[in-house]
């Protein structure tokens, strides 16, 4: 008998979302992943949500309830079961967190800034700071919606961490842009 392959981290992320006690359709799970996971983890594609739900269901870690909606369309609602909670707790307690990989398109473009010059780099960095502000506002709205709710104590910690991250990114990028501004025009 062959041993099952370990679950991918995305499976644990979905189990984690289901661990908040809600019964969700794949679509609702995708919406929730898009509004939460995107700040610190890759929000899975819709097709990946369904393939992971199939995998989790096959392993007996979630249960599906079949509903017929008003249009007689079949809708599956998923919830985590005790085996899924046990698997998720085991993963949290025994696995080492993977070290984050910095895959930063702005850093890559900055690395290659010599090809376009300081003005272009400054414009790119300004655009990034503007994007940071928008993302920060989105994340602040998430925190505002969950702050003070004991059920979301730990997600609130993550949201505050994300806000600090955006503030740090803004400070670093603004500092680089300032250094480019101070650059000797003869070097341009």
N, C-alpha and C. Protein backbone atom coordinates (compact mmCIF):
# COMPACT_ATOMS: atom_id res chain seq x y z
N UNK A 1 0.85 -1.19 0.00
CA UNK A 1 0.00 0.00 0.00
C UNK A 1 0.88 1.24 0.00
N UNK A 2 0.65 2.15 -0.93
CA UNK A 2 1.47 3.35 -1.01
C UNK A 2 0.93 4.42 -0.08
N UNK A 3 1.84 5.20 0.46
CA UNK A 3 1.45 6.28 1.36
C UNK A 3 1.01 7.50 0.55
N UNK A 4 -0.01 8.18 1.04
CA UNK A 4 -0.49 9.36 0.33
C UNK A 4 0.55 10.46 0.36
N UNK A 5 0.58 11.21 -0.73
CA UNK A 5 1.48 12.35 -0.81
C UNK A 5 1.03 13.40 0.19
N UNK A 6 1.98 14.18 0.70
CA UNK A 6 1.59 15.26 1.62
C UNK A 6 0.70 16.28 0.90
N UNK A 7 -0.13 16.91 1.66
CA UNK A 7 -1.00 17.95 1.10
C UNK A 7 -0.17 19.19 0.79
N UNK A 8 -0.52 19.89 -0.28
CA UNK A 8 0.16 21.17 -0.55
C UNK A 8 -0.31 22.23 0.46
N UNK A 9 0.47 23.26 0.62
CA UNK A 9 0.14 24.33 1.56
C UNK A 9 -1.22 24.94 1.23
N UNK A 10 -1.57 25.02 -0.04
CA UNK A 10 -2.86 25.58 -0.43
C UNK A 10 -4.01 24.79 0.19
N UNK A 11 -3.86 23.47 0.28
CA UNK A 11 -4.90 22.66 0.93
C UNK A 11 -5.08 23.09 2.38
N UNK A 12 -3.97 23.31 3.05
CA UNK A 12 -4.05 23.74 4.45
C UNK A 12 -4.64 25.14 4.56
N UNK A 13 -4.34 26.00 3.60
CA UNK A 13 -4.92 27.34 3.61
C UNK A 13 -6.45 27.25 3.49
N UNK A 14 -6.94 26.38 2.62
CA UNK A 14 -8.39 26.22 2.46
C UNK A 14 -9.01 25.57 3.68
N UNK A 15 -8.35 24.56 4.24
CA UNK A 15 -8.83 23.98 5.49
C UNK A 15 -8.90 25.06 6.56
N UNK A 16 -7.88 25.91 6.57
CA UNK A 16 -7.86 26.99 7.56
C UNK A 16 -9.04 27.94 7.40
N UNK A 17 -9.37 28.29 6.17
CA UNK A 17 -10.53 29.16 5.96
C UNK A 17 -11.81 28.47 6.42
N UNK A 18 -11.90 27.18 6.13
CA UNK A 18 -13.09 26.42 6.56
C UNK A 18 -13.13 26.22 8.07
N UNK A 19 -12.00 26.36 8.75
CA UNK A 19 -11.95 26.13 10.19
C UNK A 19 -12.67 27.21 10.99
N UNK A 20 -13.08 28.28 10.34
CA UNK A 20 -13.82 29.34 11.04
C UNK A 20 -15.30 28.99 11.21
N UNK A 21 -15.65 27.77 10.82
CA UNK A 21 -16.98 27.26 11.11
C UNK A 21 -18.05 27.54 10.08
N UNK A 22 -17.68 28.12 8.97
CA UNK A 22 -18.67 28.41 7.95
C UNK A 22 -18.76 27.25 6.96
N UNK A 23 -19.93 27.08 6.42
CA UNK A 23 -20.16 26.12 5.35
C UNK A 23 -20.20 26.93 4.06
N UNK A 24 -19.26 26.67 3.15
CA UNK A 24 -19.07 27.53 1.98
C UNK A 24 -19.11 26.73 0.69
N UNK A 25 -19.61 27.37 -0.35
CA UNK A 25 -19.49 26.80 -1.69
C UNK A 25 -18.06 27.05 -2.16
N UNK A 26 -17.66 26.40 -3.24
CA UNK A 26 -16.35 26.66 -3.81
C UNK A 26 -16.21 28.12 -4.21
N UNK A 27 -17.28 28.68 -4.76
CA UNK A 27 -17.27 30.09 -5.17
C UNK A 27 -17.07 31.00 -3.95
N UNK A 28 -17.81 30.74 -2.89
CA UNK A 28 -17.68 31.56 -1.67
C UNK A 28 -16.29 31.43 -1.06
N UNK A 29 -15.74 30.22 -1.12
CA UNK A 29 -14.39 29.99 -0.62
C UNK A 29 -13.38 30.78 -1.44
N UNK A 30 -13.57 30.82 -2.75
CA UNK A 30 -12.71 31.60 -3.62
C UNK A 30 -12.81 33.09 -3.28
N UNK A 31 -14.04 33.58 -3.08
CA UNK A 31 -14.23 35.00 -2.72
C UNK A 31 -13.52 35.32 -1.41
N UNK A 32 -13.63 34.44 -0.45
CA UNK A 32 -13.01 34.68 0.86
C UNK A 32 -11.48 34.61 0.73
N UNK A 33 -10.99 33.66 -0.05
CA UNK A 33 -9.54 33.57 -0.28
C UNK A 33 -9.04 34.84 -0.96
N UNK A 34 -9.79 35.34 -1.94
CA UNK A 34 -9.38 36.56 -2.64
C UNK A 34 -9.36 37.77 -1.71
N UNK A 35 -10.26 37.80 -0.75
CA UNK A 35 -10.33 38.97 0.11
C UNK A 35 -9.44 38.86 1.35
N UNK A 36 -8.87 37.69 1.58
CA UNK A 36 -8.00 37.55 2.76
C UNK A 36 -6.60 37.05 2.40
N UNK A 37 -6.54 35.91 1.75
CA UNK A 37 -5.24 35.29 1.48
C UNK A 37 -4.35 36.16 0.61
N UNK A 38 -4.93 36.93 -0.29
CA UNK A 38 -4.15 37.71 -1.25
C UNK A 38 -3.18 38.67 -0.59
N UNK A 39 -3.39 39.00 0.67
CA UNK A 39 -2.50 39.94 1.34
C UNK A 39 -1.19 39.29 1.79
N UNK A 40 -1.17 37.96 1.91
CA UNK A 40 0.04 37.31 2.44
C UNK A 40 0.31 35.93 1.83
N UNK A 41 -0.54 35.47 0.98
CA UNK A 41 -0.38 34.17 0.34
C UNK A 41 -1.04 34.26 -1.01
N UNK A 42 -0.69 33.44 -1.93
CA UNK A 42 -1.32 33.48 -3.25
C UNK A 42 -2.75 32.96 -3.13
N UNK A 43 -3.70 33.77 -3.55
CA UNK A 43 -5.08 33.31 -3.57
C UNK A 43 -5.23 32.34 -4.73
N UNK A 44 -5.67 31.11 -4.46
CA UNK A 44 -5.74 30.11 -5.52
C UNK A 44 -6.77 30.46 -6.59
N UNK A 45 -6.51 29.98 -7.79
CA UNK A 45 -7.45 30.14 -8.90
C UNK A 45 -8.70 29.30 -8.61
N UNK A 46 -9.78 29.64 -9.27
CA UNK A 46 -11.04 28.91 -9.07
C UNK A 46 -10.86 27.43 -9.34
N UNK A 47 -10.14 27.09 -10.42
CA UNK A 47 -9.93 25.67 -10.74
C UNK A 47 -9.13 24.98 -9.63
N UNK A 48 -8.19 25.70 -9.04
CA UNK A 48 -7.39 25.11 -7.96
C UNK A 48 -8.24 24.92 -6.71
N UNK A 49 -9.16 25.83 -6.45
CA UNK A 49 -10.07 25.67 -5.31
C UNK A 49 -10.82 24.35 -5.44
N UNK A 50 -11.39 24.11 -6.63
CA UNK A 50 -12.18 22.90 -6.81
C UNK A 50 -11.32 21.64 -6.78
N UNK A 51 -10.12 21.70 -7.34
CA UNK A 51 -9.27 20.50 -7.29
C UNK A 51 -8.83 20.22 -5.85
N UNK A 52 -8.56 21.28 -5.08
CA UNK A 52 -8.18 21.06 -3.67
C UNK A 52 -9.37 20.55 -2.86
N UNK A 53 -10.57 21.07 -3.14
CA UNK A 53 -11.76 20.58 -2.44
C UNK A 53 -11.98 19.11 -2.75
N UNK A 54 -11.75 18.71 -3.99
CA UNK A 54 -11.87 17.30 -4.36
C UNK A 54 -10.85 16.47 -3.60
N UNK A 55 -9.61 16.94 -3.55
CA UNK A 55 -8.55 16.22 -2.83
C UNK A 55 -8.90 16.09 -1.33
N UNK A 56 -9.34 17.19 -0.74
CA UNK A 56 -9.67 17.18 0.69
C UNK A 56 -10.86 16.28 0.97
N UNK A 57 -11.82 16.28 0.07
CA UNK A 57 -12.99 15.41 0.22
C UNK A 57 -12.59 13.94 0.11
N UNK A 58 -11.74 13.62 -0.89
CA UNK A 58 -11.28 12.24 -1.06
C UNK A 58 -10.53 11.74 0.17
N UNK A 59 -9.82 12.63 0.81
CA UNK A 59 -9.07 12.25 2.01
C UNK A 59 -9.92 12.26 3.27
N UNK A 60 -11.18 12.60 3.14
CA UNK A 60 -12.09 12.58 4.28
C UNK A 60 -11.86 13.72 5.26
N UNK A 61 -11.33 14.86 4.78
CA UNK A 61 -11.02 15.99 5.66
C UNK A 61 -12.09 17.08 5.65
N UNK A 62 -12.98 17.01 4.66
CA UNK A 62 -14.11 17.93 4.59
C UNK A 62 -15.34 17.13 4.19
N UNK A 63 -16.49 17.74 4.41
CA UNK A 63 -17.74 17.12 4.00
C UNK A 63 -18.47 18.09 3.09
N UNK A 64 -19.19 17.54 2.15
CA UNK A 64 -19.96 18.36 1.22
C UNK A 64 -21.44 18.06 1.41
N UNK A 65 -22.22 19.11 1.42
CA UNK A 65 -23.67 18.98 1.45
C UNK A 65 -24.18 19.49 0.12
N UNK A 66 -25.02 18.71 -0.54
CA UNK A 66 -25.54 19.07 -1.85
C UNK A 66 -26.89 19.75 -1.66
N UNK A 67 -26.99 20.92 -2.29
CA UNK A 67 -28.20 21.74 -2.25
C UNK A 67 -28.67 21.98 -3.67
N UNK A 68 -29.95 22.18 -3.85
CA UNK A 68 -30.45 22.65 -5.14
C UNK A 68 -30.88 24.09 -4.91
N UNK A 69 -30.34 25.00 -5.68
CA UNK A 69 -30.74 26.40 -5.49
C UNK A 69 -32.05 26.66 -6.24
N UNK A 70 -32.48 27.89 -6.24
CA UNK A 70 -33.77 28.25 -6.84
C UNK A 70 -33.85 27.87 -8.32
N UNK A 71 -32.71 27.87 -9.01
CA UNK A 71 -32.72 27.54 -10.42
C UNK A 71 -32.53 26.05 -10.67
N UNK A 72 -32.71 25.23 -9.67
CA UNK A 72 -32.53 23.79 -9.75
C UNK A 72 -31.10 23.38 -10.08
N UNK A 73 -30.19 24.29 -9.86
CA UNK A 73 -28.77 24.00 -10.06
C UNK A 73 -28.25 23.34 -8.78
N UNK A 74 -27.38 22.35 -8.94
CA UNK A 74 -26.81 21.67 -7.77
C UNK A 74 -25.66 22.51 -7.23
N UNK A 75 -25.70 22.77 -5.93
CA UNK A 75 -24.67 23.56 -5.26
C UNK A 75 -24.13 22.72 -4.12
N UNK A 76 -22.80 22.64 -4.06
CA UNK A 76 -22.16 21.92 -2.96
C UNK A 76 -21.63 22.93 -1.95
N UNK A 77 -21.93 22.67 -0.68
CA UNK A 77 -21.43 23.49 0.40
C UNK A 77 -20.48 22.62 1.21
N UNK A 78 -19.29 23.16 1.47
CA UNK A 78 -18.24 22.39 2.13
C UNK A 78 -18.02 22.91 3.54
N UNK A 79 -17.70 21.95 4.40
CA UNK A 79 -17.30 22.32 5.76
C UNK A 79 -16.22 21.36 6.21
N UNK A 80 -15.38 21.84 7.08
CA UNK A 80 -14.31 21.00 7.63
C UNK A 80 -14.92 20.06 8.66
N UNK A 81 -14.39 18.85 8.75
CA UNK A 81 -14.87 17.90 9.75
C UNK A 81 -13.78 17.69 10.80
N UNK A 82 -14.03 16.82 11.74
CA UNK A 82 -13.06 16.59 12.83
C UNK A 82 -11.73 16.07 12.30
N UNK A 83 -11.77 15.19 11.28
CA UNK A 83 -10.52 14.69 10.70
C UNK A 83 -9.74 15.83 10.05
N UNK A 84 -10.45 16.75 9.41
CA UNK A 84 -9.80 17.90 8.79
C UNK A 84 -9.19 18.82 9.82
N UNK A 85 -9.91 19.06 10.91
CA UNK A 85 -9.36 19.88 11.99
C UNK A 85 -8.13 19.23 12.60
N UNK A 86 -8.19 17.91 12.79
CA UNK A 86 -7.03 17.19 13.35
C UNK A 86 -5.83 17.29 12.40
N UNK A 87 -6.07 17.13 11.09
CA UNK A 87 -4.99 17.23 10.10
C UNK A 87 -4.39 18.64 10.10
N UNK A 88 -5.26 19.64 10.15
CA UNK A 88 -4.79 21.02 10.16
C UNK A 88 -3.99 21.33 11.42
N UNK A 89 -4.47 20.87 12.56
CA UNK A 89 -3.73 21.08 13.83
C UNK A 89 -2.39 20.36 13.80
N UNK A 90 -2.36 19.16 13.26
CA UNK A 90 -1.11 18.39 13.15
C UNK A 90 -0.11 19.13 12.28
N UNK A 91 -0.57 19.63 11.14
CA UNK A 91 0.31 20.39 10.24
C UNK A 91 0.86 21.63 10.94
N UNK A 92 -0.01 22.35 11.63
CA UNK A 92 0.42 23.56 12.34
C UNK A 92 1.44 23.25 13.43
N UNK A 93 1.24 22.13 14.14
CA UNK A 93 2.08 21.79 15.28
C UNK A 93 3.41 21.14 14.90
N UNK A 94 3.44 20.43 13.77
CA UNK A 94 4.63 19.62 13.50
C UNK A 94 5.44 20.03 12.28
N UNK A 95 4.86 20.80 11.39
CA UNK A 95 5.63 21.15 10.19
C UNK A 95 6.34 22.49 10.40
N UNK A 96 7.49 22.59 9.80
CA UNK A 96 8.24 23.84 9.85
C UNK A 96 7.68 24.79 8.80
N UNK A 97 7.48 26.05 9.17
CA UNK A 97 7.04 27.00 8.14
C UNK A 97 8.11 27.14 7.07
N UNK A 98 7.66 27.18 5.83
CA UNK A 98 8.60 27.40 4.73
C UNK A 98 9.11 28.83 4.84
N UNK A 99 10.39 29.04 4.52
CA UNK A 99 10.91 30.40 4.53
C UNK A 99 10.30 31.13 3.34
N UNK A 100 9.80 32.35 3.54
CA UNK A 100 9.17 33.05 2.42
C UNK A 100 10.16 33.35 1.31
N UNK A 101 9.70 33.21 0.10
CA UNK A 101 10.52 33.52 -1.07
C UNK A 101 10.10 34.90 -1.55
N UNK A 102 11.07 35.78 -1.66
CA UNK A 102 10.76 37.12 -2.14
C UNK A 102 10.71 37.09 -3.66
N UNK A 103 9.52 37.15 -4.18
CA UNK A 103 9.29 37.20 -5.63
C UNK A 103 8.68 38.56 -5.88
N UNK A 104 9.53 39.54 -6.05
CA UNK A 104 9.10 40.94 -6.03
C UNK A 104 9.36 41.59 -7.38
N UNK A 105 8.33 41.79 -8.19
CA UNK A 105 8.53 42.35 -9.52
C UNK A 105 9.12 43.76 -9.49
N UNK A 106 8.84 44.54 -8.45
CA UNK A 106 9.40 45.89 -8.37
C UNK A 106 10.90 45.80 -8.09
N UNK A 107 11.31 44.88 -7.22
CA UNK A 107 12.75 44.70 -6.94
C UNK A 107 13.48 44.24 -8.20
N UNK A 108 12.86 43.37 -8.96
CA UNK A 108 13.47 42.90 -10.20
C UNK A 108 13.67 44.07 -11.17
N UNK A 109 12.65 44.90 -11.30
CA UNK A 109 12.76 46.06 -12.19
C UNK A 109 13.80 47.06 -11.68
N UNK A 110 13.88 47.21 -10.37
CA UNK A 110 14.89 48.10 -9.80
C UNK A 110 16.30 47.57 -10.10
N UNK A 111 16.46 46.27 -10.00
CA UNK A 111 17.74 45.64 -10.32
C UNK A 111 18.20 46.00 -11.73
N UNK A 112 17.25 46.13 -12.64
CA UNK A 112 17.54 46.40 -14.04
C UNK A 112 17.38 47.88 -14.40
N UNK A 113 17.31 48.73 -13.38
CA UNK A 113 17.09 50.15 -13.59
C UNK A 113 18.12 50.84 -14.45
N UNK A 114 19.33 50.29 -14.51
CA UNK A 114 20.37 50.90 -15.33
C UNK A 114 20.00 50.93 -16.81
N UNK A 115 19.04 50.11 -17.20
CA UNK A 115 18.63 50.05 -18.61
C UNK A 115 17.66 51.16 -18.99
N UNK A 116 17.00 51.76 -18.00
CA UNK A 116 16.01 52.79 -18.31
C UNK A 116 16.30 54.14 -17.68
N UNK A 117 17.14 54.19 -16.67
CA UNK A 117 17.52 55.46 -16.07
C UNK A 117 16.68 55.85 -14.88
N UNK A 118 17.18 56.84 -14.12
CA UNK A 118 16.55 57.22 -12.85
C UNK A 118 15.13 57.75 -12.98
N UNK A 119 14.82 58.51 -14.03
CA UNK A 119 13.46 59.06 -14.14
C UNK A 119 12.44 57.93 -14.26
N UNK A 120 12.73 56.97 -15.12
CA UNK A 120 11.81 55.83 -15.29
C UNK A 120 11.70 55.02 -14.01
N UNK A 121 12.82 54.83 -13.35
CA UNK A 121 12.79 54.06 -12.10
C UNK A 121 11.98 54.80 -11.04
N UNK A 122 12.18 56.11 -10.93
CA UNK A 122 11.41 56.89 -9.95
C UNK A 122 9.91 56.80 -10.26
N UNK A 123 9.54 56.89 -11.52
CA UNK A 123 8.12 56.79 -11.90
C UNK A 123 7.56 55.41 -11.53
N UNK A 124 8.34 54.38 -11.77
CA UNK A 124 7.90 53.03 -11.41
C UNK A 124 7.73 52.92 -9.90
N UNK A 125 8.69 53.46 -9.14
CA UNK A 125 8.61 53.40 -7.68
C UNK A 125 7.42 54.20 -7.17
N UNK A 126 7.14 55.35 -7.77
CA UNK A 126 5.97 56.14 -7.36
C UNK A 126 4.69 55.34 -7.62
N UNK A 127 4.61 54.70 -8.77
CA UNK A 127 3.44 53.88 -9.06
C UNK A 127 3.27 52.76 -8.04
N UNK A 128 4.40 52.19 -7.62
CA UNK A 128 4.34 51.14 -6.61
C UNK A 128 3.85 51.68 -5.27
N UNK A 129 4.34 52.84 -4.88
CA UNK A 129 3.89 53.45 -3.62
C UNK A 129 2.39 53.72 -3.70
N UNK A 130 1.90 54.18 -4.84
CA UNK A 130 0.45 54.40 -5.01
C UNK A 130 -0.31 53.08 -4.85
N UNK A 131 0.22 51.99 -5.42
CA UNK A 131 -0.40 50.67 -5.27
C UNK A 131 -0.39 50.21 -3.82
N UNK A 132 0.72 50.46 -3.14
CA UNK A 132 0.81 50.11 -1.72
C UNK A 132 -0.29 50.81 -0.92
N UNK A 133 -0.51 52.07 -1.24
CA UNK A 133 -1.54 52.83 -0.51
C UNK A 133 -2.92 52.22 -0.74
N UNK A 134 -3.20 51.81 -1.97
CA UNK A 134 -4.50 51.19 -2.25
C UNK A 134 -4.64 49.85 -1.52
N UNK A 135 -3.58 49.03 -1.58
CA UNK A 135 -3.62 47.73 -0.90
C UNK A 135 -3.76 47.93 0.61
N UNK A 136 -3.03 48.92 1.13
CA UNK A 136 -3.09 49.20 2.56
C UNK A 136 -4.52 49.58 2.96
N UNK A 137 -5.16 50.41 2.15
CA UNK A 137 -6.55 50.81 2.43
C UNK A 137 -7.48 49.59 2.41
N UNK A 138 -7.27 48.70 1.45
CA UNK A 138 -8.08 47.47 1.39
C UNK A 138 -7.88 46.63 2.65
N UNK A 139 -6.63 46.47 3.05
CA UNK A 139 -6.34 45.65 4.23
C UNK A 139 -6.86 46.34 5.50
N UNK A 140 -6.76 47.65 5.56
CA UNK A 140 -7.32 48.37 6.72
C UNK A 140 -8.82 48.12 6.82
N UNK A 141 -9.51 48.09 5.68
CA UNK A 141 -10.94 47.80 5.67
C UNK A 141 -11.22 46.39 6.20
N UNK A 142 -10.36 45.44 5.83
CA UNK A 142 -10.51 44.08 6.36
C UNK A 142 -10.35 44.10 7.87
N UNK A 143 -9.29 44.74 8.35
CA UNK A 143 -9.06 44.81 9.80
C UNK A 143 -10.22 45.50 10.50
N UNK A 144 -10.70 46.59 9.94
CA UNK A 144 -11.83 47.30 10.55
C UNK A 144 -13.05 46.39 10.69
N UNK A 145 -13.22 45.47 9.76
CA UNK A 145 -14.36 44.56 9.79
C UNK A 145 -14.23 43.42 10.78
N UNK A 146 -13.01 43.11 11.20
CA UNK A 146 -12.83 41.96 12.10
C UNK A 146 -12.25 42.34 13.46
N UNK A 147 -11.71 43.53 13.58
CA UNK A 147 -11.06 43.94 14.83
C UNK A 147 -12.05 43.92 15.98
N UNK A 148 -11.65 43.32 17.07
CA UNK A 148 -12.50 43.23 18.24
C UNK A 148 -13.36 41.98 18.28
N UNK A 149 -13.46 41.24 17.19
CA UNK A 149 -14.24 40.00 17.16
C UNK A 149 -13.33 38.87 17.62
N UNK A 150 -13.62 38.27 18.78
CA UNK A 150 -12.74 37.22 19.31
C UNK A 150 -12.52 36.05 18.34
N UNK A 151 -13.49 35.77 17.47
CA UNK A 151 -13.34 34.68 16.51
C UNK A 151 -12.26 34.98 15.48
N UNK A 152 -11.95 36.25 15.29
CA UNK A 152 -10.97 36.65 14.29
C UNK A 152 -9.75 37.33 14.92
N UNK A 153 -9.44 36.94 16.15
CA UNK A 153 -8.29 37.52 16.85
C UNK A 153 -6.99 37.31 16.07
N UNK A 154 -6.74 36.08 15.64
CA UNK A 154 -5.49 35.78 14.93
C UNK A 154 -5.46 36.38 13.53
N UNK A 155 -6.56 36.33 12.76
CA UNK A 155 -6.54 37.05 11.49
C UNK A 155 -6.28 38.56 11.67
N UNK A 156 -6.75 39.14 12.77
CA UNK A 156 -6.48 40.56 13.03
C UNK A 156 -4.98 40.79 13.23
N UNK A 157 -4.30 39.85 13.90
CA UNK A 157 -2.83 39.96 14.03
C UNK A 157 -2.18 39.98 12.66
N UNK A 158 -2.64 39.10 11.77
CA UNK A 158 -2.07 39.03 10.42
C UNK A 158 -2.35 40.33 9.67
N UNK A 159 -3.54 40.87 9.82
CA UNK A 159 -3.87 42.13 9.16
C UNK A 159 -2.97 43.27 9.66
N UNK A 160 -2.75 43.33 10.96
CA UNK A 160 -1.86 44.38 11.50
C UNK A 160 -0.43 44.19 10.99
N UNK A 161 0.01 42.94 10.91
CA UNK A 161 1.34 42.64 10.36
C UNK A 161 1.41 43.13 8.91
N UNK A 162 0.38 42.86 8.14
CA UNK A 162 0.34 43.31 6.76
C UNK A 162 0.39 44.83 6.65
N UNK A 163 -0.32 45.52 7.52
CA UNK A 163 -0.29 46.99 7.50
C UNK A 163 1.12 47.50 7.81
N UNK A 164 1.77 46.87 8.79
CA UNK A 164 3.15 47.25 9.10
C UNK A 164 4.08 46.96 7.92
N UNK A 165 3.83 45.85 7.23
CA UNK A 165 4.63 45.50 6.06
C UNK A 165 4.48 46.58 4.98
N UNK A 166 3.23 46.98 4.70
CA UNK A 166 3.01 48.02 3.69
C UNK A 166 3.69 49.33 4.09
N UNK A 167 3.62 49.67 5.38
CA UNK A 167 4.29 50.89 5.85
C UNK A 167 5.80 50.79 5.67
N UNK A 168 6.36 49.62 5.97
CA UNK A 168 7.80 49.39 5.79
C UNK A 168 8.19 49.46 4.33
N UNK A 169 7.41 48.83 3.46
CA UNK A 169 7.67 48.87 2.02
C UNK A 169 7.67 50.31 1.53
N UNK A 170 6.67 51.08 1.98
CA UNK A 170 6.58 52.48 1.56
C UNK A 170 7.84 53.23 1.98
N UNK A 171 8.31 53.02 3.22
CA UNK A 171 9.50 53.71 3.72
C UNK A 171 10.74 53.32 2.90
N UNK A 172 10.91 52.04 2.60
CA UNK A 172 12.07 51.57 1.84
C UNK A 172 12.05 52.15 0.43
N UNK A 173 10.91 52.04 -0.23
CA UNK A 173 10.81 52.48 -1.62
C UNK A 173 10.94 54.00 -1.72
N UNK A 174 10.35 54.72 -0.80
CA UNK A 174 10.48 56.17 -0.79
C UNK A 174 11.93 56.58 -0.56
N UNK A 175 12.63 55.84 0.32
CA UNK A 175 14.05 56.10 0.55
C UNK A 175 14.89 55.89 -0.71
N UNK A 176 14.59 54.84 -1.45
CA UNK A 176 15.32 54.58 -2.70
C UNK A 176 15.02 55.69 -3.70
N UNK A 177 13.75 56.08 -3.82
CA UNK A 177 13.37 57.15 -4.75
C UNK A 177 14.08 58.45 -4.37
N UNK A 178 14.19 58.72 -3.08
CA UNK A 178 14.90 59.92 -2.63
C UNK A 178 16.38 59.86 -3.01
N UNK A 179 16.98 58.69 -2.89
CA UNK A 179 18.39 58.54 -3.27
C UNK A 179 18.57 58.78 -4.77
N UNK A 180 17.61 58.32 -5.55
CA UNK A 180 17.67 58.56 -7.00
C UNK A 180 17.51 60.05 -7.30
N UNK A 181 16.69 60.72 -6.53
CA UNK A 181 16.48 62.17 -6.71
C UNK A 181 17.76 62.94 -6.42
N UNK A 182 18.52 62.45 -5.42
CA UNK A 182 19.76 63.11 -5.02
C UNK A 182 20.94 62.76 -5.92
N UNK A 183 20.73 61.84 -6.85
CA UNK A 183 21.81 61.37 -7.69
C UNK A 183 22.40 62.52 -8.52
N UNK A 184 23.68 62.50 -8.70
CA UNK A 184 24.39 63.50 -9.50
C UNK A 184 23.90 63.44 -10.94
N UNK A 185 23.41 64.58 -11.49
CA UNK A 185 22.91 64.57 -12.88
C UNK A 185 23.94 64.11 -13.88
N UNK A 186 25.22 64.28 -13.59
CA UNK A 186 26.28 63.86 -14.51
C UNK A 186 26.32 62.34 -14.62
N UNK A 187 25.82 61.64 -13.58
CA UNK A 187 25.81 60.17 -13.60
C UNK A 187 24.61 59.62 -14.36
N UNK A 188 23.68 60.47 -14.70
CA UNK A 188 22.46 60.02 -15.40
C UNK A 188 22.77 59.78 -16.79
